[in-house]
Amino acid sequence: MRTMAPVRPRPPRGPGGRPGQATPGMRRASGAQALALALLVAVAGLSPRPVLAQPLQAVVDARGFIDPWALGAQLRQVDALPSGDEDGCWRGDDADGPQDADPRRAQQRERRIEQRRARCIDAQRRITAARDAALARLSRAWRPALESAATHGDGVAEVVLRLCETAPLLDRTGIAADCSSDAADQAIARRRLEAVGFAPALYHDRAPRTWPDLADSNCARGEAPQDRQCRQRESTQRFAQLQQVMESGAMSVAPRYANCGHPGSDDDVLVDGCERAWMLDQAIAVRARRFYTMASTGAADLSLQRAPAIQPFEYWGTAWPYDTLGRVRHIDNRDIDDRAWEVAFYTDVARALEREEAAIRADLARDPRWAAFLLLRHAPPARRGDERYFGTWRGTISSVEGGSVITVLRERRDGVGIEGSYLLGHRDWGELHPCMKLSADNLLCQWTDHAGHGFVNFHFDFDQGRFKGKWNGPEAWSFPDPGPYGEDDPGGWSGVRD
């Protein structure tokens, strides 16, 4: 066991791959790759050995608490080792090719094929054995350290032991974990996780089902108005409960589909309220900047084996209005032509994300090592043409109210040109439309919000990933002058790419 200096906050380093079960898993190589490796090993007469960049040994600090970054790195090393593919030994030979007319030559050919296949199978079994040996060494190195650390109050070690998805390659035989076959052990694991108090580790238990079983519903199955409306209220409540779990950073519970029913004479208000609750969950997940888990990605589980950063919601045209602060529509594509509704909606999204960020900061204040589970959303890669402008820019605006502003620029709905939206703190949401390129670095747009409308010119420094803008109000008789702008220019509007 190797010791380390007391843990200090540092950026999360990666965790990949979707976690499996608690018992050691196997990642299969493609048949062609496995066969090629097996034949190479058989011909050379070598026994394959896992190539590890660092030894498999536990790393702890002066308190005996584990280093989760070191554990994650070693989990990924072992997970990347090839596993044997004996099936591949039955592919790629010429057993089904033309048969030799000479029985003796045909028999010799068959013996050669069998010998080659036997060597291939033997090599694949050695590959599997090498991986299994690495898995065993990993568990022998880390499990005693994890158990000792948990005994002495290490909450991170406790979560790794009790929540199997955190380190799916770890052998937890005899440990009360959430993947134990015994219900009593599962209950023990849940109580131990609750005692740690790290909310993202409890998201499975705290998140209601988006599509409840009939046994979970208090509503009747019928299509009578009162039964239908009962189910709509129940769905709205479930989406609100999911939002509370998401605000802990567990974005993987975001519901993919809405079960809100269809608009009708008696149901419009309930359907709209249910849809809004569902849209809020979607928008919160899309706009979150950092989180512990994310739905429909390789980061859906709380695992140390994942990649450290993720960008699941790059600019997708108009597929997601929320990532670009775009105009929101009902699920059935009815327009929501209500500025007050949109202001309130995006304000609620921003406040939910502030609560999520506050929860993450509180986690890290209690123990900076929780950052090992955090994922950061990276900005999309640099683009050419109009796409260089697209994305989210965070900055400040100089106005009577002042404060922060989130500016989002995107492709127009008709696919030609640029438009955008902006969110002024919790006060207002506005639109940037139309927009016109004055030069490669200057973009002139009309802004519209509760105060009226006017014009803003953004001057971009793409190398630095930022812009500085200058805006004016409806009383102005000319457009703002193009940039670049000095630090003291009035009417400032800045942005740094997310």
Protein backbone atom coordinates (compact mmCIF):
# COMPACT_ATOMS: atom_id res chain seq x y z
CA MET A 1 0.00 0.00 0.00
CA ARG A 2 1.33 3.40 -0.96
CA THR A 3 0.67 6.54 1.09
CA MET A 4 0.14 10.00 -0.24
CA ALA A 5 0.07 13.52 1.12
CA PRO A 6 -3.24 14.71 2.60
CA VAL A 7 -5.74 15.12 -0.20
CA ARG A 8 -6.15 18.56 -1.71
CA PRO A 9 -8.82 19.60 -4.25
CA ARG A 10 -7.79 18.92 -7.80
CA PRO A 11 -9.62 18.66 -11.08
CA PRO A 12 -11.41 15.38 -11.70
CA ARG A 13 -9.42 12.88 -13.69
CA GLY A 14 -11.22 10.41 -15.61
CA PRO A 15 -13.39 7.58 -14.98
CA GLY A 16 -15.09 5.29 -19.31
CA GLY A 17 -17.37 2.66 -20.07
CA ARG A 18 -20.64 1.74 -18.55
CA PRO A 19 -20.24 -0.09 -15.24
CA GLY A 20 -21.31 -3.70 -15.12
CA GLN A 21 -21.97 -5.97 -12.13
CA ALA A 22 -20.09 -6.23 -8.87
CA THR A 23 -18.20 -9.33 -9.92
CA PRO A 24 -15.24 -8.88 -12.30
CA GLY A 25 -16.48 -8.28 -15.82
CA MET A 26 -14.92 -8.90 -19.21
CA ARG A 27 -14.66 -6.55 -22.17
CA ARG A 28 -14.54 -8.52 -25.41
CA ALA A 29 -12.32 -7.51 -28.30
CA SER A 30 -13.62 -7.84 -31.85
CA GLY A 31 -13.29 -11.27 -33.41
CA ALA A 32 -10.77 -10.10 -36.00
CA GLN A 33 -8.61 -8.37 -33.41
CA ALA A 34 -8.74 -11.31 -31.03
CA LEU A 35 -7.88 -13.79 -33.78
CA ALA A 36 -4.97 -11.69 -35.04
CA LEU A 37 -3.57 -11.35 -31.51
CA ALA A 38 -4.06 -15.02 -30.80
CA LEU A 39 -2.30 -16.12 -33.98
CA LEU A 40 0.57 -13.73 -33.31
CA VAL A 41 0.99 -15.07 -29.79
CA ALA A 42 0.71 -18.68 -30.94
CA VAL A 43 3.30 -18.21 -33.66
CA ALA A 44 5.71 -16.43 -31.36
CA GLY A 45 5.14 -18.99 -28.62
CA LEU A 46 4.66 -16.21 -26.05
CA SER A 47 2.25 -15.97 -23.17
CA PRO A 48 0.45 -12.59 -23.22
CA ARG A 49 0.93 -10.38 -20.17
CA PRO A 50 -1.14 -7.32 -19.27
CA VAL A 51 0.70 -4.11 -19.97
CA LEU A 52 -0.01 -1.71 -17.09
CA ALA A 53 1.32 1.82 -16.94
CA GLN A 54 1.46 1.70 -13.16
CA PRO A 55 1.41 -1.04 -10.52
CA LEU A 56 -1.88 -2.12 -9.00
CA GLN A 57 -1.59 -0.91 -5.43
CA ALA A 58 -3.78 1.08 -3.11
CA VAL A 59 -2.93 4.71 -2.49
CA VAL A 60 -3.99 6.30 0.81
CA ASP A 61 -3.24 9.53 2.63
CA ALA A 62 -1.88 10.06 6.13
CA ARG A 63 -5.32 9.32 7.60
CA GLY A 64 -5.55 6.04 5.75
CA PHE A 65 -8.26 7.47 3.45
CA ILE A 66 -8.17 6.33 -0.17
CA ASP A 67 -7.18 8.35 -3.22
CA PRO A 68 -10.18 7.89 -5.58
CA TRP A 69 -8.27 9.34 -8.55
CA ALA A 70 -5.63 6.62 -8.21
CA LEU A 71 -8.35 3.97 -7.91
CA GLY A 72 -10.09 5.32 -11.01
CA ALA A 73 -6.86 5.28 -13.02
CA GLN A 74 -6.15 1.68 -12.07
CA LEU A 75 -9.74 0.60 -12.79
CA ARG A 76 -9.46 2.06 -16.27
CA GLN A 77 -6.11 0.35 -16.83
CA VAL A 78 -7.51 -3.07 -16.01
CA ASP A 79 -10.73 -2.42 -17.90
CA ALA A 80 -8.66 -1.66 -21.02
CA LEU A 81 -6.93 -5.05 -20.96
CA PRO A 82 -8.09 -7.43 -23.71
CA SER A 83 -10.20 -10.44 -22.84
CA GLY A 84 -10.00 -13.73 -24.65
CA ASP A 85 -12.31 -14.39 -27.58
CA GLU A 86 -12.34 -18.12 -28.24
CA ASP A 87 -15.22 -17.70 -30.67
CA GLY A 88 -12.85 -15.77 -32.92
CA CYS A 89 -10.72 -18.90 -33.30
CA TRP A 90 -13.56 -20.47 -35.27
CA ARG A 91 -13.70 -17.57 -37.67
CA GLY A 92 -11.26 -16.49 -40.35
CA ASP A 93 -10.00 -19.93 -41.37
CA ASP A 94 -10.74 -21.68 -44.65
CA ALA A 95 -12.67 -24.63 -43.25
CA ASP A 96 -15.63 -23.77 -45.46
CA GLY A 97 -13.52 -23.19 -48.59
CA PRO A 98 -13.23 -25.48 -51.61
CA GLN A 99 -12.64 -29.11 -50.65
CA ASP A 100 -9.52 -30.88 -51.94
CA ALA A 101 -10.37 -33.82 -54.18
CA ASP A 102 -7.44 -35.81 -52.84
CA PRO A 103 -8.61 -37.40 -49.53
CA ARG A 104 -5.06 -37.49 -48.11
CA ARG A 105 -4.40 -33.78 -48.80
CA ALA A 106 -7.86 -32.90 -47.49
CA GLN A 107 -7.10 -34.77 -44.27
CA GLN A 108 -3.75 -33.00 -43.89
CA ARG A 109 -5.43 -29.63 -44.48
CA GLU A 110 -8.03 -30.41 -41.81
CA ARG A 111 -5.31 -31.33 -39.30
CA ARG A 112 -3.52 -28.02 -39.96
CA ILE A 113 -6.75 -26.11 -39.36
CA GLU A 114 -7.38 -27.99 -36.11
CA GLN A 115 -3.83 -27.38 -34.90
CA ARG A 116 -4.06 -23.66 -35.71
CA ARG A 117 -7.42 -23.45 -33.95
CA ALA A 118 -6.05 -25.24 -30.88
CA ARG A 119 -3.13 -22.79 -30.66
CA CYS A 120 -5.55 -19.89 -31.05
CA ILE A 121 -7.83 -21.18 -28.27
CA ASP A 122 -4.85 -21.72 -25.99
CA ALA A 123 -3.63 -18.17 -26.62
CA GLN A 124 -7.09 -16.73 -25.98
CA ARG A 125 -7.34 -18.61 -22.71
CA ARG A 126 -3.98 -17.18 -21.65
CA ILE A 127 -5.26 -13.70 -22.50
CA THR A 128 -8.37 -14.32 -20.39
CA ALA A 129 -6.26 -15.70 -17.56
CA ALA A 130 -3.99 -12.65 -17.65
CA ARG A 131 -6.97 -10.32 -17.41
CA ASP A 132 -8.50 -12.37 -14.60
CA ALA A 133 -5.18 -12.25 -12.76
CA ALA A 134 -5.09 -8.45 -13.12
CA LEU A 135 -8.65 -8.21 -11.81
CA ALA A 136 -7.71 -10.33 -8.82
CA ARG A 137 -4.61 -8.22 -8.13
CA LEU A 138 -6.71 -5.07 -8.31
CA SER A 139 -9.14 -6.38 -5.70
CA ARG A 140 -6.35 -7.73 -3.47
CA ALA A 141 -4.66 -4.33 -3.56
CA TRP A 142 -7.67 -2.11 -2.99
CA ARG A 143 -10.25 -4.05 -1.02
CA PRO A 144 -8.34 -4.17 2.31
CA ALA A 145 -7.53 -0.47 1.98
CA LEU A 146 -11.16 0.35 1.24
CA GLU A 147 -12.46 -1.67 4.17
CA SER A 148 -9.90 -0.21 6.56
CA ALA A 149 -10.61 3.34 5.39
CA ALA A 150 -14.38 2.88 5.69
CA THR A 151 -13.92 1.54 9.24
CA HIS A 152 -12.09 4.75 10.13
CA GLY A 153 -14.75 7.08 8.74
CA ASP A 154 -13.79 7.46 5.07
CA GLY A 155 -17.10 8.23 3.35
CA VAL A 156 -15.62 7.94 -0.14
CA ALA A 157 -14.38 4.41 0.61
CA GLU A 158 -17.77 3.54 2.07
CA VAL A 159 -19.55 4.65 -1.10
CA VAL A 160 -17.13 2.68 -3.30
CA LEU A 161 -17.72 -0.47 -1.24
CA ARG A 162 -21.50 -0.20 -0.96
CA LEU A 163 -22.43 1.18 -4.42
CA CYS A 164 -21.23 -1.36 -6.96
CA GLU A 165 -21.43 0.92 -10.01
CA THR A 166 -18.64 3.10 -8.59
CA ALA A 167 -16.02 0.38 -9.26
CA PRO A 168 -17.68 -2.51 -11.10
CA LEU A 169 -14.44 -4.50 -11.46
CA LEU A 170 -13.96 -4.75 -7.70
CA ASP A 171 -14.68 -8.14 -6.10
CA ARG A 172 -17.20 -7.48 -3.30
CA THR A 173 -17.77 -11.08 -2.23
CA GLY A 174 -18.95 -11.04 1.38
CA ILE A 175 -19.57 -7.27 1.44
CA ALA A 176 -23.05 -5.86 2.02
CA ALA A 177 -23.50 -3.87 -1.20
CA ASP A 178 -26.39 -2.69 -3.33
CA CYS A 179 -25.68 -5.50 -5.84
CA SER A 180 -25.70 -8.22 -3.19
CA SER A 181 -28.12 -11.07 -3.82
CA ASP A 182 -29.35 -10.92 -0.22
CA ALA A 183 -32.04 -8.32 0.53
CA ALA A 184 -30.74 -7.84 4.07
CA ASP A 185 -27.28 -6.96 2.71
CA GLN A 186 -28.87 -4.50 0.30
CA ALA A 187 -30.68 -2.84 3.22
CA ILE A 188 -27.40 -2.59 5.16
CA ALA A 189 -25.73 -1.00 2.15
CA ARG A 190 -28.53 1.55 1.82
CA ARG A 191 -28.27 2.52 5.51
CA ARG A 192 -24.50 2.90 5.25
CA LEU A 193 -24.85 5.10 2.15
CA GLU A 194 -27.45 7.23 3.91
CA ALA A 195 -25.08 7.66 6.85
CA VAL A 196 -22.38 9.01 4.53
CA GLY A 197 -24.79 11.68 3.27
CA PHE A 198 -23.47 11.94 -0.29
CA ALA A 199 -26.78 12.48 -2.09
CA PRO A 200 -25.67 11.38 -5.61
CA ALA A 201 -24.91 7.91 -4.21
CA LEU A 202 -28.59 7.55 -3.27
CA TYR A 203 -30.17 8.64 -6.54
CA HIS A 204 -31.48 5.14 -7.32
CA ASP A 205 -33.52 5.12 -4.11
CA ARG A 206 -34.66 8.74 -4.18
CA ALA A 207 -35.74 9.01 -7.81
CA PRO A 208 -39.31 7.92 -8.57
CA ARG A 209 -40.06 5.99 -11.73
CA THR A 210 -40.92 8.16 -14.70
CA TRP A 211 -43.27 5.48 -15.98
CA PRO A 212 -44.76 4.02 -12.80
CA ASP A 213 -46.05 0.48 -12.61
CA LEU A 214 -49.75 0.24 -12.08
CA ALA A 215 -49.01 -1.02 -8.58
CA ASP A 216 -47.16 2.26 -7.85
CA SER A 217 -50.06 4.47 -8.95
CA ASN A 218 -52.85 5.70 -6.74
CA CYS A 219 -54.97 6.48 -9.80
CA ALA A 220 -57.52 4.29 -11.51
CA ARG A 221 -56.81 2.94 -14.99
CA GLY A 222 -59.99 4.22 -16.62
CA GLU A 223 -60.42 7.06 -19.11
CA ALA A 224 -62.95 8.94 -17.04
CA PRO A 225 -61.91 12.60 -16.67
CA GLN A 226 -61.16 12.25 -12.97
CA ASP A 227 -58.95 9.18 -13.55
CA ARG A 228 -57.08 10.81 -16.41
CA GLN A 229 -56.53 14.00 -14.47
CA CYS A 230 -55.34 12.03 -11.45
CA ARG A 231 -52.62 10.45 -13.60
CA GLN A 232 -51.62 13.83 -15.00
CA ARG A 233 -51.24 15.28 -11.50
CA GLU A 234 -49.25 12.23 -10.50
CA SER A 235 -46.90 12.63 -13.47
CA THR A 236 -46.36 16.31 -12.68
CA GLN A 237 -45.50 15.42 -9.10
CA ARG A 238 -43.05 12.75 -10.26
CA PHE A 239 -41.27 15.19 -12.58
CA ALA A 240 -40.93 17.62 -9.67
CA GLN A 241 -39.46 14.85 -7.50
CA LEU A 242 -37.01 13.95 -10.26
CA GLN A 243 -35.95 17.60 -10.42
CA GLN A 244 -35.08 17.53 -6.72
CA VAL A 245 -32.83 14.51 -7.31
CA MET A 246 -31.25 16.18 -10.36
CA GLU A 247 -30.40 19.20 -8.23
CA SER A 248 -28.00 16.95 -6.31
CA GLY A 249 -26.03 16.52 -9.56
CA ALA A 250 -27.55 13.16 -10.53
CA MET A 251 -28.70 14.16 -14.01
CA SER A 252 -29.11 10.57 -15.16
CA VAL A 253 -32.62 10.49 -13.70
CA ALA A 254 -33.81 13.10 -16.23
CA PRO A 255 -36.95 11.61 -17.83
CA ARG A 256 -36.64 10.89 -21.52
CA TYR A 257 -40.36 10.83 -22.28
CA ALA A 258 -43.39 12.62 -20.89
CA ASN A 259 -46.54 10.79 -19.89
CA CYS A 260 -48.75 13.84 -19.63
CA GLY A 261 -51.70 12.76 -21.76
CA HIS A 262 -53.21 14.84 -24.54
CA PRO A 263 -54.82 18.28 -24.48
CA GLY A 264 -58.59 18.20 -24.07
CA SER A 265 -61.43 20.37 -22.95
CA ASP A 266 -61.03 19.31 -19.34
CA ASP A 267 -57.27 18.67 -19.32
CA ASP A 268 -55.47 21.59 -20.97
CA VAL A 269 -54.25 23.23 -17.77
CA LEU A 270 -53.09 19.93 -16.27
CA VAL A 271 -51.42 18.78 -19.50
CA ASP A 272 -49.59 22.10 -19.86
CA GLY A 273 -48.43 21.99 -16.24
CA CYS A 274 -47.21 18.41 -16.62
CA GLU A 275 -45.37 19.25 -19.84
CA ARG A 276 -43.74 22.26 -18.22
CA ALA A 277 -42.46 20.11 -15.35
CA TRP A 278 -41.05 17.61 -17.86
CA MET A 279 -39.47 20.40 -19.96
CA LEU A 280 -37.83 21.80 -16.84
CA ASP A 281 -36.16 18.45 -16.17
CA GLN A 282 -34.95 18.29 -19.77
CA ALA A 283 -33.64 21.85 -19.77
CA ILE A 284 -31.84 21.43 -16.44
CA ALA A 285 -30.01 18.36 -17.78
CA VAL A 286 -29.12 20.07 -21.06
CA ARG A 287 -27.82 23.25 -19.46
CA ALA A 288 -25.92 21.74 -16.50
CA ARG A 289 -22.23 22.62 -16.65
CA ARG A 290 -20.98 19.93 -14.26
CA PHE A 291 -22.66 16.93 -12.69
CA TYR A 292 -22.08 13.45 -11.31
CA THR A 293 -24.19 11.44 -13.77
CA MET A 294 -25.88 12.12 -17.11
CA ALA A 295 -28.64 10.13 -18.80
CA SER A 296 -28.28 8.37 -22.17
CA THR A 297 -24.47 8.53 -22.12
CA GLY A 298 -21.54 6.48 -20.91
CA ALA A 299 -21.77 8.57 -17.73
CA ALA A 300 -25.21 7.34 -16.69
CA ASP A 301 -23.76 5.62 -13.60
CA LEU A 302 -21.71 7.02 -10.74
CA SER A 303 -18.46 5.32 -11.74
CA LEU A 304 -14.76 6.01 -11.37
CA GLN A 305 -14.17 4.25 -14.71
CA ARG A 306 -15.75 6.95 -16.86
CA ALA A 307 -14.22 9.66 -19.00
CA PRO A 308 -13.65 12.87 -17.00
CA ALA A 309 -15.51 15.16 -19.39
CA ILE A 310 -18.58 14.91 -21.56
CA GLN A 311 -20.32 16.99 -24.19
CA PRO A 312 -23.55 15.13 -24.92
CA PHE A 313 -25.48 18.20 -26.02
CA GLU A 314 -23.37 19.86 -28.64
CA TYR A 315 -25.07 22.29 -30.95
CA TRP A 316 -27.78 20.20 -32.66
CA GLY A 317 -29.57 22.86 -34.71
CA THR A 318 -33.08 23.21 -33.30
CA ALA A 319 -33.31 19.70 -31.83
CA TRP A 320 -32.91 21.05 -28.27
CA PRO A 321 -34.20 24.58 -27.72
CA TYR A 322 -32.95 24.60 -24.13
CA ASP A 323 -29.23 24.41 -24.84
CA THR A 324 -29.53 27.59 -26.90
CA LEU A 325 -32.12 29.37 -24.73
CA GLY A 326 -34.42 29.00 -27.72
CA ARG A 327 -38.16 29.42 -28.04
CA VAL A 328 -39.96 26.62 -26.20
CA ARG A 329 -42.83 24.72 -27.79
CA HIS A 330 -45.35 22.25 -26.45
CA ILE A 331 -44.71 18.56 -27.07
CA ASP A 332 -47.38 18.57 -29.78
CA ASN A 333 -45.54 21.52 -31.45
CA ARG A 334 -48.01 24.18 -30.39
CA ASP A 335 -46.24 27.52 -30.07
CA ILE A 336 -45.84 29.07 -26.65
CA ASP A 337 -46.22 32.70 -27.65
CA ASP A 338 -45.94 34.08 -24.15
CA ARG A 339 -42.84 36.04 -23.19
CA ALA A 340 -43.71 36.00 -19.48
CA TRP A 341 -43.99 32.19 -19.65
CA GLU A 342 -40.55 31.88 -21.27
CA VAL A 343 -38.93 34.31 -18.85
CA ALA A 344 -40.34 32.34 -15.92
CA PHE A 345 -39.31 29.01 -17.48
CA TYR A 346 -35.66 29.91 -18.12
CA THR A 347 -35.48 31.66 -14.76
CA ASP A 348 -36.63 28.46 -13.05
CA VAL A 349 -33.99 26.52 -15.00
CA ALA A 350 -31.26 28.96 -13.91
CA ARG A 351 -32.34 28.79 -10.27
CA ALA A 352 -32.41 24.98 -10.32
CA LEU A 353 -28.89 24.95 -11.73
CA GLU A 354 -27.75 27.36 -9.03
CA ARG A 355 -29.13 24.96 -6.43
CA GLU A 356 -27.32 22.07 -8.14
CA GLU A 357 -24.06 24.03 -8.19
CA ALA A 358 -24.52 24.95 -4.51
CA ALA A 359 -25.05 21.26 -3.68
CA ILE A 360 -21.85 20.32 -5.52
CA ARG A 361 -19.89 23.06 -3.75
CA ALA A 362 -21.24 21.79 -0.42
CA ASP A 363 -20.14 18.23 -1.29
CA LEU A 364 -16.62 19.42 -2.10
CA ALA A 365 -16.47 21.55 1.04
CA ARG A 366 -17.21 18.43 3.12
CA ASP A 367 -14.68 16.33 1.21
CA PRO A 368 -12.76 17.55 -1.86
CA ARG A 369 -12.36 13.94 -3.02
CA TRP A 370 -15.98 13.83 -4.22
CA ALA A 371 -14.60 15.72 -7.22
CA ALA A 372 -13.27 12.37 -8.48
CA PHE A 373 -16.87 11.54 -9.44
CA LEU A 374 -17.59 14.89 -11.09
CA LEU A 375 -17.93 15.30 -14.84
CA LEU A 376 -17.35 18.57 -16.67
CA ARG A 377 -19.21 19.56 -19.80
CA HIS A 378 -16.74 20.70 -22.43
CA ALA A 379 -17.55 23.35 -24.99
CA PRO A 380 -17.94 22.12 -28.57
CA PRO A 381 -14.74 22.19 -30.62
CA ALA A 382 -13.84 25.28 -32.65
CA ARG A 383 -15.84 25.62 -35.86
CA ARG A 384 -15.65 27.50 -39.11
CA GLY A 385 -17.98 29.94 -40.79
CA ASP A 386 -21.11 31.00 -38.93
CA GLU A 387 -20.72 28.06 -36.54
CA ARG A 388 -17.81 29.88 -34.89
CA TYR A 389 -20.37 32.13 -33.23
CA PHE A 390 -22.65 29.33 -32.02
CA GLY A 391 -22.60 28.35 -28.37
CA THR A 392 -23.07 29.69 -24.86
CA TRP A 393 -21.18 32.78 -23.69
CA ARG A 394 -21.20 33.85 -20.02
CA GLY A 395 -20.40 37.39 -19.03
CA THR A 396 -21.74 40.69 -17.72
CA ILE A 397 -23.87 43.48 -19.07
CA SER A 398 -23.75 47.18 -18.29
CA SER A 399 -27.29 48.42 -17.70
CA VAL A 400 -29.45 50.14 -15.11
CA GLU A 401 -29.93 46.80 -13.35
CA GLY A 402 -26.45 45.43 -14.22
CA GLY A 403 -25.35 41.91 -13.45
CA SER A 404 -24.60 38.66 -15.21
CA VAL A 405 -25.82 37.65 -18.63
CA ILE A 406 -25.85 34.32 -20.47
CA THR A 407 -25.78 34.86 -24.24
CA VAL A 408 -26.52 32.00 -26.62
CA LEU A 409 -25.99 32.27 -30.37
CA ARG A 410 -27.34 29.64 -32.77
CA GLU A 411 -28.39 28.96 -36.31
CA ARG A 412 -31.70 30.45 -37.40
CA ARG A 413 -34.67 28.14 -37.60
CA ASP A 414 -34.73 28.37 -41.37
CA GLY A 415 -31.07 27.28 -41.45
CA VAL A 416 -29.83 30.56 -42.91
CA GLY A 417 -28.05 33.07 -40.69
CA ILE A 418 -27.65 33.62 -36.97
CA GLU A 419 -30.00 34.40 -34.10
CA GLY A 420 -29.81 34.07 -30.34
CA SER A 421 -31.22 34.51 -26.87
CA TYR A 422 -29.98 35.85 -23.56
CA LEU A 423 -30.83 35.51 -19.89
CA LEU A 424 -30.32 38.49 -17.57
CA GLY A 425 -29.82 36.97 -14.14
CA HIS A 426 -33.28 36.08 -12.82
CA ARG A 427 -34.92 39.14 -14.30
CA ASP A 428 -35.50 38.69 -17.99
CA TRP A 429 -35.08 36.55 -21.05
CA GLY A 430 -34.62 38.19 -24.42
CA GLU A 431 -34.07 37.42 -28.09
CA LEU A 432 -31.36 38.41 -30.54
CA HIS A 433 -32.99 38.58 -33.95
CA PRO A 434 -32.16 39.40 -36.64
CA CYS A 435 -28.35 39.23 -36.63
CA MET A 436 -26.04 40.35 -39.41
CA LYS A 437 -22.29 39.85 -39.84
CA LEU A 438 -20.60 43.19 -40.42
CA SER A 439 -17.21 41.45 -40.68
CA ALA A 440 -15.61 38.20 -39.60
CA ASP A 441 -15.32 39.58 -36.05
CA ASN A 442 -18.35 41.87 -35.71
CA LEU A 443 -21.94 40.66 -35.36
CA LEU A 444 -24.81 43.17 -35.23
CA CYS A 445 -28.10 41.98 -33.68
CA GLN A 446 -31.37 43.49 -32.56
CA TRP A 447 -32.19 42.73 -28.94
CA THR A 448 -35.76 42.45 -27.62
CA ASP A 449 -36.90 41.97 -24.04
CA HIS A 450 -39.35 43.45 -21.52
CA ALA A 451 -37.65 46.87 -21.79
CA GLY A 452 -38.22 47.14 -25.52
CA HIS A 453 -35.67 46.68 -28.26
CA GLY A 454 -32.42 48.10 -29.55
CA PHE A 455 -29.17 47.00 -31.16
CA VAL A 456 -25.98 45.36 -29.95
CA ASN A 457 -22.70 44.76 -31.73
CA PHE A 458 -20.46 41.93 -30.58
CA HIS A 459 -16.76 41.98 -31.41
CA PHE A 460 -15.25 38.47 -31.15
CA ASP A 461 -11.76 37.33 -30.25
CA PHE A 462 -12.11 33.70 -31.27
CA ASP A 463 -8.55 32.84 -30.23
CA GLN A 464 -9.39 33.84 -26.66
CA GLY A 465 -12.94 32.46 -26.83
CA ARG A 466 -14.56 35.74 -25.83
CA PHE A 467 -16.43 38.76 -27.14
CA LYS A 468 -16.98 42.33 -25.99
CA GLY A 469 -20.14 44.07 -27.09
CA LYS A 470 -21.71 47.50 -27.15
CA TRP A 471 -25.47 48.04 -27.09
CA ASN A 472 -27.92 50.92 -27.30
CA GLY A 473 -31.60 51.46 -26.63
CA PRO A 474 -34.65 52.18 -28.80
CA GLU A 475 -34.01 55.93 -28.63
CA ALA A 476 -30.65 55.64 -30.41
CA TRP A 477 -30.56 57.05 -33.94
CA SER A 478 -27.73 54.81 -35.21
CA PHE A 479 -26.22 51.37 -34.74
CA PRO A 480 -23.42 50.87 -32.19
CA ASP A 481 -19.97 51.39 -33.66
CA PRO A 482 -18.14 48.17 -34.59
CA GLY A 483 -15.39 46.91 -32.29
CA PRO A 484 -12.81 46.32 -31.03
CA TYR A 485 -13.80 48.13 -27.86
CA GLY A 486 -11.82 49.50 -24.95
CA GLU A 487 -12.39 48.48 -21.35
CA ASP A 488 -14.14 51.74 -20.49
CA ASP A 489 -16.55 51.89 -23.44
CA PRO A 490 -20.14 52.48 -22.22
CA GLY A 491 -22.94 50.08 -23.00
CA GLY A 492 -20.80 47.00 -22.40
CA TRP A 493 -21.96 43.44 -23.00
CA SER A 494 -19.29 40.72 -22.56
CA GLY A 495 -19.11 36.98 -22.98
CA VAL A 496 -16.64 34.12 -22.52
CA ARG A 497 -17.34 30.84 -24.29
CA ASP A 498 -18.55 28.07 -22.00
